[in-house]
Amino acid sequence: MNAVDIINKKRLGGVLSEQEIEYMVMGFTEGAIPDYQMSALLMAICLKGMTKEETVQLTRIMRDSGETVDLSEIRGIKVDKHSTGGVGDKTTLIVAPIAAACGVPIAKMSGRGLGFTGGTVDKMESIPGFVTSMERSRFIESVNDKGIAVIGQTGHIAPADKKMYALRDVTGTTESISLITSSIMSKKLAAGADAIVLDVKCGAGAFMKTYEDARELASWMVDIGRGNGKSMTAVISDMNQPLGRAVGNALEVQEAIDVLKGGGPEDIRTLSLKLAAEMIRLGGRADGDSAKAGQLALEALDGGAALEKFRQFVANQGGDSEITSDRTRLPQAAFAVSVTADEAGFVTRLDAMEIGLASQHAGAGREKKEDAIDMAAGILLEKKLGDEAAAGEVLCTVYGSDEAKVKNGARQAKAAFAIGKDKPEVPELIKEVIR
């Protein structure tokens, strides 16, 4: 068995055996297969695809390339939630406290961001004092005691994915359903949860640009999770425009708090309640009844239990829980530049990708893994798709600690908007739930 034969087999559309996949993945992870050969295989996979059975095998091999987490000491059905990524997507900060307030144990490992904005771990670290690493014993104890803990993913979980993802990112091989599926599910299967709720995004600001592609990805992930003994749900949601109005780490934390207080933008509230309800249902707290799970989620949110759970969660991990009553305790930007409408009309386009890039260029995201994030940087949207704007009215405001970066971000943010005379149809937020 050798790498060239395996690459040629896939390049010609052949189906790889489990032994061939393992030879390439583990050889690359351990340093025996060089970058250029793995890059060739990844490109062949992107062009020729993989069968579902090949993808199942790839996922298991990537999962088993490192340690798997044993959460059996945590009482109850552990439910994880994962989003395929988007702009302004701060749902974990909302749905985890809601589900935990309803008795679902949340033992979550999250990643950092590379690109548009920070990941969940970056957002949490914008809270003064918040610690995203802890010993396993304290992690288990925190979930059993407080019902929730969120920590950074260790480098020991699915190291094959870590190496392959870094290579995919620089070789134009990110957009493959098999590679996306195996990347996400290898980490989720290794993380030890009993059930997983997926938020699969589609649209301009997502990996999957069309509903059809997002549905195929969701179905593959649900099937692979179920095939590995996990209870699964996938919610397909729109990402043609940013979710909510805040994009950027501390700004998104504040918006999450607004939602937990019963306010916030309607779209982020709606999606958060749907995701939380699915977590509650899979967590065995609603007798399998979706309507009952939805009601429990609503009561936890509007009754204040989720906000109190968020406070406990932040305090338990060393963070300043007073941010829930005093937003100035979060990082504050030194500079702000407003983007205004050149003419009167309706917002007919709000490109999520452009807003994400504008936020990144203002300092809220990384271009390289070693880049530092400006926790105060980001964008607050005053107008969204379908909103009416007068000439000169503010469309959004860009924030940050570096004036030149903020001005650059503002120029890019302006390009994300289009104004027209006719009010456009706003895409449906939640497109389908696959159980």
Foldseek 3Di string as FASTA:
>chain_A
DDLVVLLVCLLVQHADDLVNLLCVLLCVLVVNDDLVSVLSSLVSCLVNNYDLVSLLSNLQSLLVSFAFDALVLAPFAEEAEEEQDAFLPQLCLALQLLLLLLPHAYLEAWEFDAFLFTTNVLLLPLFPFFAQDDDPVVSSVCCNVLRYAYHHDDCRGSVSLVVVVVSCVPSVNPQGLSNSLSSVNSRVRRHHGQAYEYEQEEPLGGSHPDPVVSVVSQVSNCVSQVVVRHHYKYWYFYRQAHAFFWGFRLRSSLQSLCQLQVHGDPRSNVVSLQRSLVSCLSRVSQVNDSVSSSVSSVCCRNVNSSLVSSLVRRVSRGGDSCCSVPVPSGDAFPDKDFAFAQAWAFWAFQGRNLQSNLQVLLFRHHNDPPDDGFRNWHKGAPHDQQDTHHHGDTGMMTGHHDVVSSVSSSVSNNVRTDGDHDRDDDDDTTDDMDD
